[in-house]
Each structure stands twice: as C-alpha cells, then as structure tokens.
Amino acid sequence: LTVSLVPNVALPSGTVLEVAGLCPCAGGCPCEVAFFDTAAPEIFGPDAPMFNNLLWEPARGSLKLTLQDEAGILTGQPVVFSFSVKNPAVLSAGVTPSIGAVSSTVIIGVTTMSGLVLAADNQPQFTAAAVAESSSVQLSFNTLMFLL
C-alpha cells in the first residue's frame, strides 16, 4: 500500500501517525490474514526514513509510525511511504483506511483516506485456458497443445 499525505499544518518531530481500518475480514479484526511479509512492519519509499517506531496493532488493523525527522513535516509538504501487505485468504470487498496524527502541539483528527485497499474479490483462476490439436484426420497421430 502507498500512503500519500499533505498536512495543512506543520507536524513536529515525535508526531505519531496512525493508519487504521486495515481489517478486510467480515467481522473485523483480528482475522486470519498475514499482513506483513516480515515479523515487524517495514515501510519504504521516498519519505520512509522520516519515520521510526513502527507498531502494528492487529486487533485494530492499525499501523502507527513516529515522525523522527528533526525538521518534521512542513505545512503543505507532500509525504509518501509504502508498506507491504498480503491480501486476505477470504473474499473481501476491501476497506478504506483512515489516518490521524497526534503530537504535543498538534492533533489532526481521524480522516478517511481516498482509495479502496485489501480487496480480495477474485478466486484463484486461470486467466487463459485453451487446448488445440495438430490434426483432426481419422487415424492420424494427434498432438494436443495446452495453454494455461
């Protein structure tokens, strides 16, 4: 998933951002879904070094990140980071996460993000399945060709 955000106020170092609502299973969290390929969440992308102290809270479907950059995030500064998730093993229509931020001087209330993620609405299937033959002549040898 890639998160893009632009605050309308400056966010100081130490601000905690929370991306929440990452619960794609019916009935909410926790569900039997492995979100991260590693034991601890990892973020990457152009602004990933700005953050540390990543905390995944599976019961809430929440990822918390602490802003460590000394300059913080400036008013109007675009920030982009990504993290890897695994789509659920069960059918899911997807979710629209939310984001909020809290520091000692600034609170940005929870805001619904744009975009639908963690949709797992397709069963595993062949995207192509075809068979062809080399000959249709009676009593001739035939080679069957399968395209999967």
C-alpha atoms as a PDB file:
ATOM      1  CA  LEU A   1       0.000   0.000   0.000  1.00  0.00           C
ATOM      2  CA  THR A   2       1.199   3.515  -0.680  1.00  0.00           C
ATOM      3  CA  VAL A   3       0.199   6.362   1.606  1.00  0.00           C
ATOM      4  CA  SER A   4       0.316   9.930   0.267  1.00  0.00           C
ATOM      5  CA  LEU A   5      -0.487  12.780   2.609  1.00  0.00           C
ATOM      6  CA  VAL A   6      -0.159  16.567   2.758  1.00  0.00           C
ATOM      7  CA  PRO A   7      -0.836  18.234   6.128  1.00  0.00           C
ATOM      8  CA  ASN A   8      -2.228  21.789   6.310  1.00  0.00           C
ATOM      9  CA  VAL A   9      -0.163  22.413   9.469  1.00  0.00           C
ATOM     10  CA  ALA A  10       3.444  21.644  10.356  1.00  0.00           C
ATOM     11  CA  LEU A  11       3.957  18.357  12.191  1.00  0.00           C
ATOM     12  CA  PRO A  12       6.888  18.336  14.636  1.00  0.00           C
ATOM     13  CA  SER A  13       9.314  15.513  15.271  1.00  0.00           C
ATOM     14  CA  GLY A  14       7.730  12.988  17.628  1.00  0.00           C
ATOM     15  CA  THR A  15       4.289  13.170  15.990  1.00  0.00           C
ATOM     16  CA  VAL A  16       2.586   9.773  15.877  1.00  0.00           C
ATOM     17  CA  LEU A  17       0.658   8.993  12.690  1.00  0.00           C
ATOM     18  CA  GLU A  18      -1.853   6.158  12.687  1.00  0.00           C
ATOM     19  CA  VAL A  19      -3.188   4.415   9.602  1.00  0.00           C
ATOM     20  CA  ALA A  20      -6.231   2.464  10.827  1.00  0.00           C
ATOM     21  CA  GLY A  21      -9.021   0.329   9.439  1.00  0.00           C
ATOM     22  CA  LEU A  22      -6.854  -2.298   7.786  1.00  0.00           C
ATOM     23  CA  CYS A  23      -9.309  -5.090   8.686  1.00  0.00           C
ATOM     24  CA  PRO A  24     -10.601  -6.644   5.474  1.00  0.00           C
ATOM     25  CA  CYS A  25     -12.356  -9.652   7.038  1.00  0.00           C
ATOM     26  CA  ALA A  26     -16.047  -9.792   7.765  1.00  0.00           C
ATOM     27  CA  GLY A  27     -16.494  -9.384  11.486  1.00  0.00           C
ATOM     28  CA  GLY A  28     -13.460  -7.105  11.776  1.00  0.00           C
ATOM     29  CA  CYS A  29     -10.121  -7.814  13.390  1.00  0.00           C
ATOM     30  CA  PRO A  30      -8.400  -9.972  14.189  1.00  0.00           C
ATOM     31  CA  CYS A  31      -8.800 -12.235  11.227  1.00  0.00           C
ATOM     32  CA  GLU A  32      -6.616 -14.950   9.842  1.00  0.00           C
ATOM     33  CA  VAL A  33      -4.658 -12.722   7.497  1.00  0.00           C
ATOM     34  CA  ALA A  34      -0.897 -12.254   7.459  1.00  0.00           C
ATOM     35  CA  PHE A  35      -0.455  -8.596   6.640  1.00  0.00           C
ATOM     36  CA  PHE A  36       3.297  -8.274   6.564  1.00  0.00           C
ATOM     37  CA  ASP A  37       5.913 -10.434   4.884  1.00  0.00           C
ATOM     38  CA  THR A  38       8.181  -9.916   7.896  1.00  0.00           C
ATOM     39  CA  ALA A  39       7.609 -10.218  11.625  1.00  0.00           C
ATOM     40  CA  ALA A  40       7.800  -6.451  12.105  1.00  0.00           C
ATOM     41  CA  PRO A  41       6.241  -3.960   9.694  1.00  0.00           C
ATOM     42  CA  GLU A  42       8.631  -2.223   7.341  1.00  0.00           C
ATOM     43  CA  ILE A  43       7.971   0.912   5.342  1.00  0.00           C
ATOM     44  CA  PHE A  44       9.822   2.034   2.240  1.00  0.00           C
ATOM     45  CA  GLY A  45       9.646   4.788  -0.337  1.00  0.00           C
ATOM     46  CA  PRO A  46      10.925   8.330  -0.626  1.00  0.00           C
ATOM     47  CA  ASP A  47       9.864   9.520   2.829  1.00  0.00           C
ATOM     48  CA  ALA A  48      10.197   6.275   4.806  1.00  0.00           C
ATOM     49  CA  PRO A  49      13.392   7.443   6.584  1.00  0.00           C
ATOM     50  CA  MET A  50      11.331  10.190   8.267  1.00  0.00           C
ATOM     51  CA  PHE A  51       9.652   7.579  10.491  1.00  0.00           C
ATOM     52  CA  ASN A  52      10.632   5.048  13.151  1.00  0.00           C
ATOM     53  CA  ASN A  53       8.992   3.055  15.970  1.00  0.00           C
ATOM     54  CA  LEU A  54       6.582   1.247  13.682  1.00  0.00           C
ATOM     55  CA  LEU A  55       3.870  -0.546  15.600  1.00  0.00           C
ATOM     56  CA  TRP A  56       1.340  -2.949  14.063  1.00  0.00           C
ATOM     57  CA  GLU A  57      -1.789  -3.478  16.183  1.00  0.00           C
ATOM     58  CA  PRO A  58      -3.587  -6.475  14.636  1.00  0.00           C
ATOM     59  CA  ALA A  59      -6.607  -6.241  16.933  1.00  0.00           C
ATOM     60  CA  ARG A  60      -7.357  -2.802  15.465  1.00  0.00           C
ATOM     61  CA  GLY A  61      -5.874  -3.206  11.992  1.00  0.00           C
ATOM     62  CA  SER A  62      -3.673  -0.211  12.772  1.00  0.00           C
ATOM     63  CA  LEU A  63      -0.146   0.841  11.824  1.00  0.00           C
ATOM     64  CA  LYS A  64       1.428   3.566  13.988  1.00  0.00           C
ATOM     65  CA  LEU A  65       4.540   5.474  12.872  1.00  0.00           C
ATOM     66  CA  THR A  66       6.544   8.043  14.820  1.00  0.00           C
ATOM     67  CA  LEU A  67       7.955  11.016  12.926  1.00  0.00           C
ATOM     68  CA  GLN A  68      11.683  11.109  13.716  1.00  0.00           C
ATOM     69  CA  ASP A  69      12.829  13.711  11.212  1.00  0.00           C
ATOM     70  CA  GLU A  70      14.185  16.756  13.094  1.00  0.00           C
ATOM     71  CA  ALA A  71      12.537  19.176  10.684  1.00  0.00           C
ATOM     72  CA  GLY A  72       9.223  17.360  10.984  1.00  0.00           C
ATOM     73  CA  ILE A  73       6.777  17.715   8.124  1.00  0.00           C
ATOM     74  CA  LEU A  74       6.255  21.248   6.853  1.00  0.00           C
ATOM     75  CA  THR A  75       2.863  22.769   6.086  1.00  0.00           C
ATOM     76  CA  GLY A  76       1.862  21.618   2.588  1.00  0.00           C
ATOM     77  CA  GLN A  77       4.781  19.177   2.289  1.00  0.00           C
ATOM     78  CA  PRO A  78       3.836  16.013   0.372  1.00  0.00           C
ATOM     79  CA  VAL A  79       4.865  12.819   2.187  1.00  0.00           C
ATOM     80  CA  VAL A  80       4.817   9.384   0.543  1.00  0.00           C
ATOM     81  CA  PHE A  81       5.642   5.994   2.038  1.00  0.00           C
ATOM     82  CA  SER A  82       4.630   2.398   1.367  1.00  0.00           C
ATOM     83  CA  PHE A  83       4.354  -0.884   3.198  1.00  0.00           C
ATOM     84  CA  SER A  84       3.698  -4.418   2.025  1.00  0.00           C
ATOM     85  CA  VAL A  85       0.572  -6.301   2.921  1.00  0.00           C
ATOM     86  CA  LYS A  86      -0.879  -9.620   1.879  1.00  0.00           C
ATOM     87  CA  ASN A  87      -4.448  -9.748   0.656  1.00  0.00           C
ATOM     88  CA  PRO A  88      -6.700 -11.880   2.843  1.00  0.00           C
ATOM     89  CA  ALA A  89      -7.306 -15.545   2.113  1.00  0.00           C
ATOM     90  CA  VAL A  90     -11.065 -14.985   2.238  1.00  0.00           C
ATOM     91  CA  LEU A  91     -13.229 -12.974  -0.116  1.00  0.00           C
ATOM     92  CA  SER A  92     -13.147  -9.299   0.803  1.00  0.00           C
ATOM     93  CA  ALA A  93     -14.694  -6.230  -0.821  1.00  0.00           C
ATOM     94  CA  GLY A  94     -11.797  -4.178   0.552  1.00  0.00           C
ATOM     95  CA  VAL A  95     -11.551  -1.332   3.040  1.00  0.00           C
ATOM     96  CA  THR A  96     -10.982   2.412   3.023  1.00  0.00           C
ATOM     97  CA  PRO A  97      -8.457   3.174   5.785  1.00  0.00           C
ATOM     98  CA  SER A  98      -8.281   6.323   7.875  1.00  0.00           C
ATOM     99  CA  ILE A  99      -5.341   8.387   9.120  1.00  0.00           C
ATOM    100  CA  GLY A 100      -4.774  10.704  12.054  1.00  0.00           C
ATOM    101  CA  ALA A 101      -1.829  12.353  13.787  1.00  0.00           C
ATOM    102  CA  VAL A 102      -1.060  13.402  17.376  1.00  0.00           C
ATOM    103  CA  SER A 103       1.850  15.375  18.802  1.00  0.00           C
ATOM    104  CA  SER A 104       2.434  17.504  21.890  1.00  0.00           C
ATOM    105  CA  THR A 105       1.272  20.583  19.946  1.00  0.00           C
ATOM    106  CA  VAL A 106      -0.890  19.349  17.049  1.00  0.00           C
ATOM    107  CA  ILE A 107      -3.806  16.957  16.655  1.00  0.00           C
ATOM    108  CA  ILE A 108      -5.098  16.043  13.223  1.00  0.00           C
ATOM    109  CA  GLY A 109      -8.335  14.161  13.749  1.00  0.00           C
ATOM    110  CA  VAL A 110      -9.071  10.895  12.023  1.00  0.00           C
ATOM    111  CA  THR A 111      -9.638  11.428   8.304  1.00  0.00           C
ATOM    112  CA  THR A 112     -10.951   8.835   5.868  1.00  0.00           C
ATOM    113  CA  MET A 113      -8.425   8.264   3.123  1.00  0.00           C
ATOM    114  CA  SER A 114      -9.334   8.032  -0.554  1.00  0.00           C
ATOM    115  CA  GLY A 115      -8.917   4.638  -2.155  1.00  0.00           C
ATOM    116  CA  LEU A 116     -10.008   1.061  -1.589  1.00  0.00           C
ATOM    117  CA  VAL A 117      -7.373  -1.477  -0.500  1.00  0.00           C
ATOM    118  CA  LEU A 118      -7.094  -5.126   0.552  1.00  0.00           C
ATOM    119  CA  ALA A 119      -9.816  -6.211  -1.848  1.00  0.00           C
ATOM    120  CA  ALA A 120      -9.623  -9.949  -2.368  1.00  0.00           C
ATOM    121  CA  ASP A 121     -12.659 -10.464  -4.512  1.00  0.00           C
ATOM    122  CA  ASN A 122     -11.279 -12.921  -7.048  1.00  0.00           C
ATOM    123  CA  GLN A 123     -10.831 -16.625  -6.532  1.00  0.00           C
ATOM    124  CA  PRO A 124      -7.606 -18.140  -7.895  1.00  0.00           C
ATOM    125  CA  GLN A 125      -8.219 -18.971 -11.516  1.00  0.00           C
ATOM    126  CA  PHE A 126      -6.547 -19.483 -14.870  1.00  0.00           C
ATOM    127  CA  THR A 127      -6.510 -16.275 -16.867  1.00  0.00           C
ATOM    128  CA  ALA A 128      -6.161 -18.369 -20.015  1.00  0.00           C
ATOM    129  CA  ALA A 129      -7.131 -21.993 -20.605  1.00  0.00           C
ATOM    130  CA  ALA A 130      -7.082 -23.319 -24.141  1.00  0.00           C
ATOM    131  CA  VAL A 131      -6.467 -26.594 -25.927  1.00  0.00           C
ATOM    132  CA  ALA A 132      -5.590 -27.157 -29.581  1.00  0.00           C
ATOM    133  CA  GLU A 133      -4.787 -30.195 -31.728  1.00  0.00           C
ATOM    134  CA  SER A 134      -2.350 -30.774 -34.534  1.00  0.00           C
ATOM    135  CA  SER A 135      -4.660 -32.904 -36.671  1.00  0.00           C
ATOM    136  CA  SER A 136      -8.315 -33.834 -36.988  1.00  0.00           C
ATOM    137  CA  VAL A 137      -7.756 -36.527 -39.637  1.00  0.00           C
ATOM    138  CA  GLN A 138      -9.131 -40.000 -38.790  1.00  0.00           C
ATOM    139  CA  LEU A 139      -6.488 -42.461 -37.512  1.00  0.00           C
ATOM    140  CA  SER A 140      -3.666 -39.897 -37.674  1.00  0.00           C
ATOM    141  CA  PHE A 141      -1.476 -39.197 -34.681  1.00  0.00           C
ATOM    142  CA  ASN A 142      -2.537 -36.077 -32.895  1.00  0.00           C
ATOM    143  CA  THR A 143      -0.612 -33.739 -30.653  1.00  0.00           C
ATOM    144  CA  LEU A 144      -2.665 -31.877 -28.084  1.00  0.00           C
ATOM    145  CA  MET A 145      -1.372 -28.482 -27.026  1.00  0.00           C
ATOM    146  CA  PHE A 146      -2.499 -26.901 -23.755  1.00  0.00           C
ATOM    147  CA  LEU A 147      -2.196 -23.215 -22.979  1.00  0.00           C
ATOM    148  CA  LEU A 148      -2.697 -22.354 -19.318  1.00  0.00           C
END
